[in-house]
Amino acid sequence: MVDFTPEGYSLFRQSILGILGKRLVQYDDSGWNVDKKNCRVDFLAETAGLCRKRIAEFMLEPSMYVGQTVRIISVTKPIRIAPWGPNKFMVLPQGFHAMLEYEVLPEIA
């Protein structure tokens, strides 16, 4: 594990942008958070297209990501959000958020 200072992270990010390009860095910044208590998943990304891509990835194996057998109830379209941060060192000026709701299915013995 590496723990950066703000200055170290800035240098690292510039290096990664130069090596991988903006598209892959944006992909790495995006993702989802599973809220098992409320049976929902929040998707965050810098662009609406990338938010939709992350939803599609999750939908391929939702039970794997949740850790239980689930059924998708609903998925919202990505909506524009205010500034947000993919990590503790940066805040992006805008982004997109979508939400997926699911139900846990009983295990079959």
PDB file of N, CA and C in Angstrom:
ATOM      1  N   MET A   1       0.847  -1.186   0.000  1.00  0.00           N
ATOM      2  CA  MET A   1       0.000   0.000   0.000  1.00  0.00           C
ATOM      3  C   MET A   1       0.883   1.236   0.000  1.00  0.00           C
ATOM      4  N   VAL A   2       0.460   2.228  -0.737  1.00  0.00           N
ATOM      5  CA  VAL A   2       1.184   3.493  -0.806  1.00  0.00           C
ATOM      6  C   VAL A   2       0.279   4.574  -0.257  1.00  0.00           C
ATOM      7  N   ASP A   3       0.811   5.422   0.599  1.00  0.00           N
ATOM      8  CA  ASP A   3       0.057   6.553   1.125  1.00  0.00           C
ATOM      9  C   ASP A   3       0.769   7.826   0.686  1.00  0.00           C
ATOM     10  N   PHE A   4       0.080   8.629  -0.120  1.00  0.00           N
ATOM     11  CA  PHE A   4       0.667   9.837  -0.680  1.00  0.00           C
ATOM     12  C   PHE A   4       0.437  11.059   0.190  1.00  0.00           C
ATOM     13  N   THR A   5       1.308  12.042   0.021  1.00  0.00           N
ATOM     14  CA  THR A   5       1.015  13.405   0.459  1.00  0.00           C
ATOM     15  C   THR A   5       0.223  14.025  -0.691  1.00  0.00           C
ATOM     16  N   PRO A   6      -0.446  15.152  -0.468  1.00  0.00           N
ATOM     17  CA  PRO A   6      -1.138  15.796  -1.591  1.00  0.00           C
ATOM     18  C   PRO A   6      -0.203  16.098  -2.772  1.00  0.00           C
ATOM     19  N   GLU A   7       1.000  16.559  -2.487  1.00  0.00           N
ATOM     20  CA  GLU A   7       1.957  16.875  -3.546  1.00  0.00           C
ATOM     21  C   GLU A   7       2.410  15.606  -4.277  1.00  0.00           C
ATOM     22  N   GLY A   8       2.633  14.548  -3.513  1.00  0.00           N
ATOM     23  CA  GLY A   8       3.040  13.277  -4.109  1.00  0.00           C
ATOM     24  C   GLY A   8       1.952  12.713  -5.004  1.00  0.00           C
ATOM     25  N   TYR A   9       0.702  12.829  -4.547  1.00  0.00           N
ATOM     26  CA  TYR A   9      -0.402  12.333  -5.364  1.00  0.00           C
ATOM     27  C   TYR A   9      -0.504  13.126  -6.663  1.00  0.00           C
ATOM     28  N   SER A  10      -0.338  14.433  -6.575  1.00  0.00           N
ATOM     29  CA  SER A  10      -0.421  15.276  -7.769  1.00  0.00           C
ATOM     30  C   SER A  10       0.641  14.854  -8.794  1.00  0.00           C
ATOM     31  N   LEU A  11       1.853  14.616  -8.344  1.00  0.00           N
ATOM     32  CA  LEU A  11       2.924  14.172  -9.232  1.00  0.00           C
ATOM     33  C   LEU A  11       2.607  12.792  -9.812  1.00  0.00           C
ATOM     34  N   PHE A  12       2.131  11.882  -8.972  1.00  0.00           N
ATOM     35  CA  PHE A  12       1.752  10.544  -9.424  1.00  0.00           C
ATOM     36  C   PHE A  12       0.652  10.621 -10.483  1.00  0.00           C
ATOM     37  N   ARG A  13      -0.375  11.440 -10.230  1.00  0.00           N
ATOM     38  CA  ARG A  13      -1.495  11.542 -11.175  1.00  0.00           C
ATOM     39  C   ARG A  13      -1.038  12.095 -12.515  1.00  0.00           C
ATOM     40  N   GLN A  14      -0.185  13.091 -12.498  1.00  0.00           N
ATOM     41  CA  GLN A  14       0.319  13.642 -13.756  1.00  0.00           C
ATOM     42  C   GLN A  14       1.109  12.593 -14.528  1.00  0.00           C
ATOM     43  N   SER A  15       1.887  11.789 -13.815  1.00  0.00           N
ATOM     44  CA  SER A  15       2.653  10.722 -14.469  1.00  0.00           C
ATOM     45  C   SER A  15       1.718   9.687 -15.083  1.00  0.00           C
ATOM     46  N   ILE A  16       0.703   9.272 -14.326  1.00  0.00           N
ATOM     47  CA  ILE A  16      -0.255   8.278 -14.812  1.00  0.00           C
ATOM     48  C   ILE A  16      -1.044   8.819 -16.003  1.00  0.00           C
ATOM     49  N   LEU A  17      -1.440  10.091 -15.939  1.00  0.00           N
ATOM     50  CA  LEU A  17      -2.139  10.696 -17.083  1.00  0.00           C
ATOM     51  C   LEU A  17      -1.267  10.642 -18.330  1.00  0.00           C
ATOM     52  N   GLY A  18       0.012  10.924 -18.162  1.00  0.00           N
ATOM     53  CA  GLY A  18       0.929  10.899 -19.298  1.00  0.00           C
ATOM     54  C   GLY A  18       1.131   9.505 -19.860  1.00  0.00           C
ATOM     55  N   ILE A  19       1.124   8.509 -18.995  1.00  0.00           N
ATOM     56  CA  ILE A  19       1.349   7.132 -19.423  1.00  0.00           C
ATOM     57  C   ILE A  19       0.073   6.501 -19.988  1.00  0.00           C
ATOM     58  N   LEU A  20      -1.023   6.594 -19.237  1.00  0.00           N
ATOM     59  CA  LEU A  20      -2.251   5.888 -19.591  1.00  0.00           C
ATOM     60  C   LEU A  20      -3.246   6.707 -20.397  1.00  0.00           C
ATOM     61  N   GLY A  21      -3.202   8.010 -20.249  1.00  0.00           N
ATOM     62  CA  GLY A  21      -4.159   8.875 -20.926  1.00  0.00           C
ATOM     63  C   GLY A  21      -5.392   9.136 -20.071  1.00  0.00           C
ATOM     64  N   LYS A  22      -6.117  10.172 -20.446  1.00  0.00           N
ATOM     65  CA  LYS A  22      -7.274  10.624 -19.666  1.00  0.00           C
ATOM     66  C   LYS A  22      -8.368   9.566 -19.562  1.00  0.00           C
ATOM     67  N   ARG A  23      -8.628   8.861 -20.650  1.00  0.00           N
ATOM     68  CA  ARG A  23      -9.735   7.896 -20.666  1.00  0.00           C
ATOM     69  C   ARG A  23      -9.552   6.796 -19.604  1.00  0.00           C
ATOM     70  N   LEU A  24      -8.363   6.226 -19.496  1.00  0.00           N
ATOM     71  CA  LEU A  24      -8.132   5.173 -18.508  1.00  0.00           C
ATOM     72  C   LEU A  24      -8.094   5.719 -17.088  1.00  0.00           C
ATOM     73  N   VAL A  25      -7.596   6.938 -16.922  1.00  0.00           N
ATOM     74  CA  VAL A  25      -7.583   7.545 -15.591  1.00  0.00           C
ATOM     75  C   VAL A  25      -9.014   7.839 -15.141  1.00  0.00           C
ATOM     76  N   GLN A  26      -9.855   8.337 -16.042  1.00  0.00           N
ATOM     77  CA  GLN A  26     -11.259   8.567 -15.698  1.00  0.00           C
ATOM     78  C   GLN A  26     -11.940   7.254 -15.324  1.00  0.00           C
ATOM     79  N   TYR A  27     -11.626   6.186 -16.043  1.00  0.00           N
ATOM     80  CA  TYR A  27     -12.206   4.881 -15.723  1.00  0.00           C
ATOM     81  C   TYR A  27     -11.791   4.463 -14.312  1.00  0.00           C
ATOM     82  N   ASP A  28     -10.536   4.646 -13.994  1.00  0.00           N
ATOM     83  CA  ASP A  28     -10.040   4.275 -12.664  1.00  0.00           C
ATOM     84  C   ASP A  28     -10.686   5.119 -11.564  1.00  0.00           C
ATOM     85  N   ASP A  29     -11.008   6.367 -11.852  1.00  0.00           N
ATOM     86  CA  ASP A  29     -11.658   7.246 -10.875  1.00  0.00           C
ATOM     87  C   ASP A  29     -13.115   6.846 -10.631  1.00  0.00           C
ATOM     88  N   SER A  30     -13.736   6.211 -11.604  1.00  0.00           N
ATOM     89  CA  SER A  30     -15.156   5.868 -11.503  1.00  0.00           C
ATOM     90  C   SER A  30     -15.346   4.553 -10.767  1.00  0.00           C
ATOM     91  N   GLY A  31     -16.594   4.276 -10.431  1.00  0.00           N
ATOM     92  CA  GLY A  31     -16.867   2.997  -9.784  1.00  0.00           C
ATOM     93  C   GLY A  31     -18.217   2.985  -9.101  1.00  0.00           C
ATOM     94  N   TRP A  32     -18.347   2.065  -8.146  1.00  0.00           N
ATOM     95  CA  TRP A  32     -19.605   1.924  -7.431  1.00  0.00           C
ATOM     96  C   TRP A  32     -19.351   1.595  -5.978  1.00  0.00           C
ATOM     97  N   ASN A  33     -20.364   1.888  -5.170  1.00  0.00           N
ATOM     98  CA  ASN A  33     -20.361   1.562  -3.743  1.00  0.00           C
ATOM     99  C   ASN A  33     -21.620   0.761  -3.452  1.00  0.00           C
ATOM    100  N   VAL A  34     -21.436  -0.419  -2.866  1.00  0.00           N
ATOM    101  CA  VAL A  34     -22.563  -1.275  -2.510  1.00  0.00           C
ATOM    102  C   VAL A  34     -22.984  -0.951  -1.087  1.00  0.00           C
ATOM    103  N   ASP A  35     -24.256  -0.621  -0.905  1.00  0.00           N
ATOM    104  CA  ASP A  35     -24.852  -0.365   0.408  1.00  0.00           C
ATOM    105  C   ASP A  35     -25.767  -1.544   0.726  1.00  0.00           C
ATOM    106  N   LYS A  36     -25.199  -2.566   1.402  1.00  0.00           N
ATOM    107  CA  LYS A  36     -25.960  -3.782   1.669  1.00  0.00           C
ATOM    108  C   LYS A  36     -27.125  -3.540   2.625  1.00  0.00           C
ATOM    109  N   LYS A  37     -26.970  -2.594   3.523  1.00  0.00           N
ATOM    110  CA  LYS A  37     -28.045  -2.308   4.484  1.00  0.00           C
ATOM    111  C   LYS A  37     -29.308  -1.843   3.773  1.00  0.00           C
ATOM    112  N   ASN A  38     -29.146  -0.995   2.768  1.00  0.00           N
ATOM    113  CA  ASN A  38     -30.288  -0.436   2.044  1.00  0.00           C
ATOM    114  C   ASN A  38     -30.525  -1.093   0.689  1.00  0.00           C
ATOM    115  N   CYS A  39     -29.782  -2.151   0.384  1.00  0.00           N
ATOM    116  CA  CYS A  39     -29.932  -2.894  -0.881  1.00  0.00           C
ATOM    117  C   CYS A  39     -29.861  -1.964  -2.088  1.00  0.00           C
ATOM    118  N   ARG A  40     -28.807  -1.166  -2.129  1.00  0.00           N
ATOM    119  CA  ARG A  40     -28.638  -0.265  -3.259  1.00  0.00           C
ATOM    120  C   ARG A  40     -27.166  -0.139  -3.606  1.00  0.00           C
ATOM    121  N   VAL A  41     -26.930   0.291  -4.828  1.00  0.00           N
ATOM    122  CA  VAL A  41     -25.579   0.515  -5.314  1.00  0.00           C
ATOM    123  C   VAL A  41     -25.548   1.909  -5.933  1.00  0.00           C
ATOM    124  N   ASP A  42     -24.564   2.694  -5.546  1.00  0.00           N
ATOM    125  CA  ASP A  42     -24.381   4.036  -6.101  1.00  0.00           C
ATOM    126  C   ASP A  42     -23.207   4.004  -7.069  1.00  0.00           C
ATOM    127  N   PHE A  43     -23.423   4.518  -8.267  1.00  0.00           N
ATOM    128  CA  PHE A  43     -22.395   4.588  -9.296  1.00  0.00           C
ATOM    129  C   PHE A  43     -21.979   6.038  -9.451  1.00  0.00           C
ATOM    130  N   LEU A  44     -20.680   6.282  -9.544  1.00  0.00           N
ATOM    131  CA  LEU A  44     -20.153   7.626  -9.726  1.00  0.00           C
ATOM    132  C   LEU A  44     -19.098   7.610 -10.820  1.00  0.00           C
ATOM    133  N   ALA A  45     -19.162   8.606 -11.696  1.00  0.00           N
ATOM    134  CA  ALA A  45     -18.188   8.716 -12.782  1.00  0.00           C
ATOM    135  C   ALA A  45     -18.128  10.159 -13.256  1.00  0.00           C
ATOM    136  N   GLU A  46     -17.062  10.473 -13.959  1.00  0.00           N
ATOM    137  CA  GLU A  46     -16.888  11.831 -14.458  1.00  0.00           C
ATOM    138  C   GLU A  46     -17.792  12.140 -15.636  1.00  0.00           C
ATOM    139  N   THR A  47     -18.181  11.109 -16.409  1.00  0.00           N
ATOM    140  CA  THR A  47     -19.052  11.321 -17.566  1.00  0.00           C
ATOM    141  C   THR A  47     -20.264  10.388 -17.480  1.00  0.00           C
ATOM    142  N   ALA A  48     -21.342  10.770 -18.155  1.00  0.00           N
ATOM    143  CA  ALA A  48     -22.546   9.928 -18.176  1.00  0.00           C
ATOM    144  C   ALA A  48     -22.262   8.600 -18.871  1.00  0.00           C
ATOM    145  N   GLY A  49     -21.490   8.629 -19.940  1.00  0.00           N
ATOM    146  CA  GLY A  49     -21.153   7.402 -20.654  1.00  0.00           C
ATOM    147  C   GLY A  49     -20.370   6.432 -19.791  1.00  0.00           C
ATOM    148  N   LEU A  50     -19.445   6.947 -19.030  1.00  0.00           N
ATOM    149  CA  LEU A  50     -18.655   6.102 -18.141  1.00  0.00           C
ATOM    150  C   LEU A  50     -19.507   5.566 -16.998  1.00  0.00           C
ATOM    151  N   CYS A  51     -20.459   6.354 -16.537  1.00  0.00           N
ATOM    152  CA  CYS A  51     -21.383   5.894 -15.500  1.00  0.00           C
ATOM    153  C   CYS A  51     -22.212   4.729 -16.047  1.00  0.00           C
ATOM    154  N   ARG A  52     -22.701   4.856 -17.270  1.00  0.00           N
ATOM    155  CA  ARG A  52     -23.463   3.768 -17.895  1.00  0.00           C
ATOM    156  C   ARG A  52     -22.599   2.523 -18.087  1.00  0.00           C
ATOM    157  N   LYS A  53     -21.335   2.718 -18.434  1.00  0.00           N
ATOM    158  CA  LYS A  53     -20.421   1.587 -18.612  1.00  0.00           C
ATOM    159  C   LYS A  53     -20.238   0.836 -17.295  1.00  0.00           C
ATOM    160  N   ARG A  54     -20.076   1.562 -16.200  1.00  0.00           N
ATOM    161  CA  ARG A  54     -19.902   0.924 -14.893  1.00  0.00           C
ATOM    162  C   ARG A  54     -21.173   0.165 -14.488  1.00  0.00           C
ATOM    163  N   ILE A  55     -22.332   0.723 -14.794  1.00  0.00           N
ATOM    164  CA  ILE A  55     -23.596   0.024 -14.509  1.00  0.00           C
ATOM    165  C   ILE A  55     -23.635  -1.283 -15.294  1.00  0.00           C
ATOM    166  N   ALA A  56     -23.286  -1.223 -16.572  1.00  0.00           N
ATOM    167  CA  ALA A  56     -23.313  -2.424 -17.421  1.00  0.00           C
ATOM    168  C   ALA A  56     -22.360  -3.490 -16.882  1.00  0.00           C
ATOM    169  N   GLU A  57     -21.192  -3.090 -16.433  1.00  0.00           N
ATOM    170  CA  GLU A  57     -20.235  -4.039 -15.854  1.00  0.00           C
ATOM    171  C   GLU A  57     -20.815  -4.703 -14.612  1.00  0.00           C
ATOM    172  N   PHE A  58     -21.408  -3.905 -13.762  1.00  0.00           N
ATOM    173  CA  PHE A  58     -21.994  -4.436 -12.527  1.00  0.00           C
ATOM    174  C   PHE A  58     -23.124  -5.412 -12.836  1.00  0.00           C
ATOM    175  N   MET A  59     -23.940  -5.065 -13.829  1.00  0.00           N
ATOM    176  CA  MET A  59     -25.112  -5.871 -14.175  1.00  0.00           C
ATOM    177  C   MET A  59     -24.737  -7.252 -14.723  1.00  0.00           C
ATOM    178  N   LEU A  60     -23.522  -7.433 -15.204  1.00  0.00           N
ATOM    179  CA  LEU A  60     -23.102  -8.736 -15.701  1.00  0.00           C
ATOM    180  C   LEU A  60     -23.079  -9.789 -14.590  1.00  0.00           C
ATOM    181  N   GLU A  61     -22.680  -9.394 -13.384  1.00  0.00           N
ATOM    182  CA  GLU A  61     -22.576 -10.323 -12.253  1.00  0.00           C
ATOM    183  C   GLU A  61     -22.943  -9.626 -10.945  1.00  0.00           C
ATOM    184  N   PRO A  62     -24.155  -9.103 -10.811  1.00  0.00           N
ATOM    185  CA  PRO A  62     -24.478  -8.343  -9.604  1.00  0.00           C
ATOM    186  C   PRO A  62     -24.335  -9.149  -8.317  1.00  0.00           C
ATOM    187  N   SER A  63     -24.685 -10.411  -8.357  1.00  0.00           N
ATOM    188  CA  SER A  63     -24.587 -11.230  -7.149  1.00  0.00           C
ATOM    189  C   SER A  63     -23.145 -11.384  -6.688  1.00  0.00           C
ATOM    190  N   MET A  64     -22.219 -11.424  -7.627  1.00  0.00           N
ATOM    191  CA  MET A  64     -20.805 -11.532  -7.276  1.00  0.00           C
ATOM    192  C   MET A  64     -20.346 -10.286  -6.514  1.00  0.00           C
ATOM    193  N   TYR A  65     -20.776  -9.113  -6.967  1.00  0.00           N
ATOM    194  CA  TYR A  65     -20.345  -7.875  -6.337  1.00  0.00           C
ATOM    195  C   TYR A  65     -21.026  -7.637  -4.991  1.00  0.00           C
ATOM    196  N   VAL A  66     -22.251  -8.113  -4.846  1.00  0.00           N
ATOM    197  CA  VAL A  66     -22.981  -7.941  -3.594  1.00  0.00           C
ATOM    198  C   VAL A  66     -22.592  -9.029  -2.587  1.00  0.00           C
ATOM    199  N   GLY A  67     -22.246 -10.197  -3.098  1.00  0.00           N
ATOM    200  CA  GLY A  67     -21.883 -11.294  -2.215  1.00  0.00           C
ATOM    201  C   GLY A  67     -23.057 -12.154  -1.799  1.00  0.00           C
ATOM    202  N   GLN A  68     -24.193 -11.930  -2.433  1.00  0.00           N
ATOM    203  CA  GLN A  68     -25.412 -12.697  -2.198  1.00  0.00           C
ATOM    204  C   GLN A  68     -26.161 -12.785  -3.519  1.00  0.00           C
ATOM    205  N   THR A  69     -27.078 -13.743  -3.614  1.00  0.00           N
ATOM    206  CA  THR A  69     -27.898 -13.839  -4.818  1.00  0.00           C
ATOM    207  C   THR A  69     -28.917 -12.706  -4.791  1.00  0.00           C
ATOM    208  N   VAL A  70     -28.924 -11.895  -5.849  1.00  0.00           N
ATOM    209  CA  VAL A  70     -29.801 -10.724  -5.879  1.00  0.00           C
ATOM    210  C   VAL A  70     -30.579 -10.656  -7.181  1.00  0.00           C
ATOM    211  N   ARG A  71     -31.651  -9.892  -7.129  1.00  0.00           N
ATOM    212  CA  ARG A  71     -32.455  -9.552  -8.307  1.00  0.00           C
ATOM    213  C   ARG A  71     -32.500  -8.037  -8.388  1.00  0.00           C
ATOM    214  N   ILE A  72     -32.224  -7.509  -9.557  1.00  0.00           N
ATOM    215  CA  ILE A  72     -32.250  -6.057  -9.758  1.00  0.00           C
ATOM    216  C   ILE A  72     -33.699  -5.596  -9.804  1.00  0.00           C
ATOM    217  N   ILE A  73     -34.010  -4.569  -9.029  1.00  0.00           N
ATOM    218  CA  ILE A  73     -35.353  -3.987  -9.009  1.00  0.00           C
ATOM    219  C   ILE A  73     -35.436  -2.783  -9.938  1.00  0.00           C
ATOM    220  N   SER A  74     -34.456  -1.892  -9.833  1.00  0.00           N
ATOM    221  CA  SER A  74     -34.493  -0.685 -10.663  1.00  0.00           C
ATOM    222  C   SER A  74     -33.089  -0.104 -10.813  1.00  0.00           C
ATOM    223  N   VAL A  75     -32.928   0.656 -11.889  1.00  0.00           N
ATOM    224  CA  VAL A  75     -31.678   1.363 -12.155  1.00  0.00           C
ATOM    225  C   VAL A  75     -32.049   2.740 -12.692  1.00  0.00           C
ATOM    226  N   THR A  76     -31.488   3.778 -12.105  1.00  0.00           N
ATOM    227  CA  THR A  76     -31.758   5.125 -12.601  1.00  0.00           C
ATOM    228  C   THR A  76     -30.782   5.476 -13.719  1.00  0.00           C
ATOM    229  N   LYS A  77     -31.151   6.453 -14.507  1.00  0.00           N
ATOM    230  CA  LYS A  77     -30.238   6.997 -15.507  1.00  0.00           C
ATOM    231  C   LYS A  77     -29.214   7.873 -14.787  1.00  0.00           C
ATOM    232  N   PRO A  78     -28.019   8.006 -15.355  1.00  0.00           N
ATOM    233  CA  PRO A  78     -27.034   8.904 -14.751  1.00  0.00           C
ATOM    234  C   PRO A  78     -27.540  10.349 -14.766  1.00  0.00           C
ATOM    235  N   ILE A  79     -27.391  11.017 -13.643  1.00  0.00           N
ATOM    236  CA  ILE A  79     -27.739  12.434 -13.553  1.00  0.00           C
ATOM    237  C   ILE A  79     -26.499  13.227 -13.149  1.00  0.00           C
ATOM    238  N   ARG A  80     -26.442  14.444 -13.643  1.00  0.00           N
ATOM    239  CA  ARG A  80     -25.308  15.324 -13.341  1.00  0.00           C
ATOM    240  C   ARG A  80     -25.327  15.687 -11.853  1.00  0.00           C
ATOM    241  N   ILE A  81     -24.145  15.675 -11.254  1.00  0.00           N
ATOM    242  CA  ILE A  81     -24.026  16.033  -9.844  1.00  0.00           C
ATOM    243  C   ILE A  81     -23.010  17.152  -9.669  1.00  0.00           C
ATOM    244  N   ALA A  82     -23.030  17.720  -8.500  1.00  0.00           N
ATOM    245  CA  ALA A  82     -22.099  18.786  -8.128  1.00  0.00           C
ATOM    246  C   ALA A  82     -20.693  18.195  -7.965  1.00  0.00           C
ATOM    247  N   PRO A  83     -19.730  19.017  -7.618  1.00  0.00           N
ATOM    248  CA  PRO A  83     -18.370  18.509  -7.432  1.00  0.00           C
ATOM    249  C   PRO A  83     -18.335  17.289  -6.498  1.00  0.00           C
ATOM    250  N   TRP A  84     -17.465  16.357  -6.833  1.00  0.00           N
ATOM    251  CA  TRP A  84     -17.308  15.133  -6.055  1.00  0.00           C
ATOM    252  C   TRP A  84     -15.853  14.689  -6.139  1.00  0.00           C
ATOM    253  N   GLY A  85     -15.469  13.839  -5.240  1.00  0.00           N
ATOM    254  CA  GLY A  85     -14.085  13.394  -5.215  1.00  0.00           C
ATOM    255  C   GLY A  85     -13.944  11.888  -5.258  1.00  0.00           C
ATOM    256  N   PRO A  86     -13.211  11.378  -6.236  1.00  0.00           N
ATOM    257  CA  PRO A  86     -12.980   9.943  -6.300  1.00  0.00           C
ATOM    258  C   PRO A  86     -11.971   9.452  -5.260  1.00  0.00           C
ATOM    259  N   ASN A  87     -11.256  10.378  -4.645  1.00  0.00           N
ATOM    260  CA  ASN A  87     -10.322  10.032  -3.572  1.00  0.00           C
ATOM    261  C   ASN A  87     -10.095  11.250  -2.689  1.00  0.00           C
ATOM    262  N   LYS A  88      -9.309  11.083  -1.646  1.00  0.00           N
ATOM    263  CA  LYS A  88      -9.145  12.166  -0.669  1.00  0.00           C
ATOM    264  C   LYS A  88      -8.295  13.330  -1.159  1.00  0.00           C
ATOM    265  N   PHE A  89      -7.654  13.195  -2.316  1.00  0.00           N
ATOM    266  CA  PHE A  89      -6.757  14.234  -2.797  1.00  0.00           C
ATOM    267  C   PHE A  89      -7.341  15.129  -3.878  1.00  0.00           C
ATOM    268  N   MET A  90      -8.488  14.768  -4.408  1.00  0.00           N
ATOM    269  CA  MET A  90      -8.984  15.586  -5.518  1.00  0.00           C
ATOM    270  C   MET A  90     -10.503  15.685  -5.518  1.00  0.00           C
ATOM    271  N   VAL A  91     -10.961  16.795  -6.064  1.00  0.00           N
ATOM    272  CA  VAL A  91     -12.385  17.027  -6.266  1.00  0.00           C
ATOM    273  C   VAL A  91     -12.564  17.375  -7.734  1.00  0.00           C
ATOM    274  N   LEU A  92     -13.443  16.632  -8.389  1.00  0.00           N
ATOM    275  CA  LEU A  92     -13.743  16.910  -9.787  1.00  0.00           C
ATOM    276  C   LEU A  92     -14.888  17.924  -9.847  1.00  0.00           C
ATOM    277  N   PRO A  93     -14.869  18.835 -10.806  1.00  0.00           N
ATOM    278  CA  PRO A  93     -15.873  19.906 -10.851  1.00  0.00           C
ATOM    279  C   PRO A  93     -17.298  19.428 -11.094  1.00  0.00           C
ATOM    280  N   GLN A  94     -17.444  18.267 -11.696  1.00  0.00           N
ATOM    281  CA  GLN A  94     -18.776  17.717 -11.937  1.00  0.00           C
ATOM    282  C   GLN A  94     -18.640  16.220 -12.118  1.00  0.00           C
ATOM    283  N   GLY A  95     -19.751  15.562 -12.158  1.00  0.00           N
ATOM    284  CA  GLY A  95     -19.745  14.124 -12.372  1.00  0.00           C
ATOM    285  C   GLY A  95     -21.156  13.645 -12.617  1.00  0.00           C
ATOM    286  N   PHE A  96     -21.328  12.331 -12.589  1.00  0.00           N
ATOM    287  CA  PHE A  96     -22.632  11.723 -12.788  1.00  0.00           C
ATOM    288  C   PHE A  96     -22.849  10.630 -11.757  1.00  0.00           C
ATOM    289  N   HIS A  97     -24.099  10.507 -11.339  1.00  0.00           N
ATOM    290  CA  HIS A  97     -24.485   9.523 -10.335  1.00  0.00           C
ATOM    291  C   HIS A  97     -25.691   8.755 -10.848  1.00  0.00           C
ATOM    292  N   ALA A  98     -25.686   7.462 -10.612  1.00  0.00           N
ATOM    293  CA  ALA A  98     -26.848   6.618 -10.895  1.00  0.00           C
ATOM    294  C   ALA A  98     -26.998   5.671  -9.711  1.00  0.00           C
ATOM    295  N   MET A  99     -28.195   5.145  -9.550  1.00  0.00           N
ATOM    296  CA  MET A  99     -28.458   4.260  -8.429  1.00  0.00           C
ATOM    297  C   MET A  99     -29.180   3.011  -8.895  1.00  0.00           C
ATOM    298  N   LEU A 100     -28.792   1.900  -8.325  1.00  0.00           N
ATOM    299  CA  LEU A 100     -29.413   0.615  -8.611  1.00  0.00           C
ATOM    300  C   LEU A 100     -29.975   0.075  -7.302  1.00  0.00           C
ATOM    301  N   GLU A 101     -31.193  -0.422  -7.350  1.00  0.00           N
ATOM    302  CA  GLU A 101     -31.799  -1.062  -6.183  1.00  0.00           C
ATOM    303  C   GLU A 101     -31.965  -2.553  -6.471  1.00  0.00           C
ATOM    304  N   TYR A 102     -31.754  -3.349  -5.453  1.00  0.00           N
ATOM    305  CA  TYR A 102     -31.866  -4.799  -5.620  1.00  0.00           C
ATOM    306  C   TYR A 102     -32.540  -5.409  -4.406  1.00  0.00           C
ATOM    307  N   GLU A 103     -32.939  -6.661  -4.573  1.00  0.00           N
ATOM    308  CA  GLU A 103     -33.433  -7.423  -3.436  1.00  0.00           C
ATOM    309  C   GLU A 103     -32.601  -8.693  -3.337  1.00  0.00           C
ATOM    310  N   VAL A 104     -32.384  -9.128  -2.115  1.00  0.00           N
ATOM    311  CA  VAL A 104     -31.649 -10.353  -1.867  1.00  0.00           C
ATOM    312  C   VAL A 104     -32.621 -11.519  -1.985  1.00  0.00           C
ATOM    313  N   LEU A 105     -32.245 -12.518  -2.781  1.00  0.00           N
ATOM    314  CA  LEU A 105     -33.094 -13.690  -2.969  1.00  0.00           C
ATOM    315  C   LEU A 105     -32.700 -14.772  -1.961  1.00  0.00           C
ATOM    316  N   PRO A 106     -33.675 -15.545  -1.529  1.00  0.00           N
ATOM    317  CA  PRO A 106     -33.360 -16.617  -0.573  1.00  0.00           C
ATOM    318  C   PRO A 106     -32.449 -17.658  -1.243  1.00  0.00           C
ATOM    319  N   GLU A 107     -31.549 -18.187  -0.451  1.00  0.00           N
ATOM    320  CA  GLU A 107     -30.639 -19.234  -0.945  1.00  0.00           C
ATOM    321  C   GLU A 107     -31.427 -20.541  -1.055  1.00  0.00           C
ATOM    322  N   ILE A 108     -31.200 -21.259  -2.132  1.00  0.00           N
ATOM    323  CA  ILE A 108     -31.851 -22.541  -2.340  1.00  0.00           C
ATOM    324  C   ILE A 108     -30.900 -23.641  -1.863  1.00  0.00           C
ATOM    325  N   ALA A 109     -31.381 -24.470  -0.960  1.00  0.00           N
ATOM    326  CA  ALA A 109     -30.522 -25.510  -0.393  1.00  0.00           C
ATOM    327  C   ALA A 109     -30.464 -26.723  -1.272  1.00  0.00           C
TER     328      ALA A 109
END
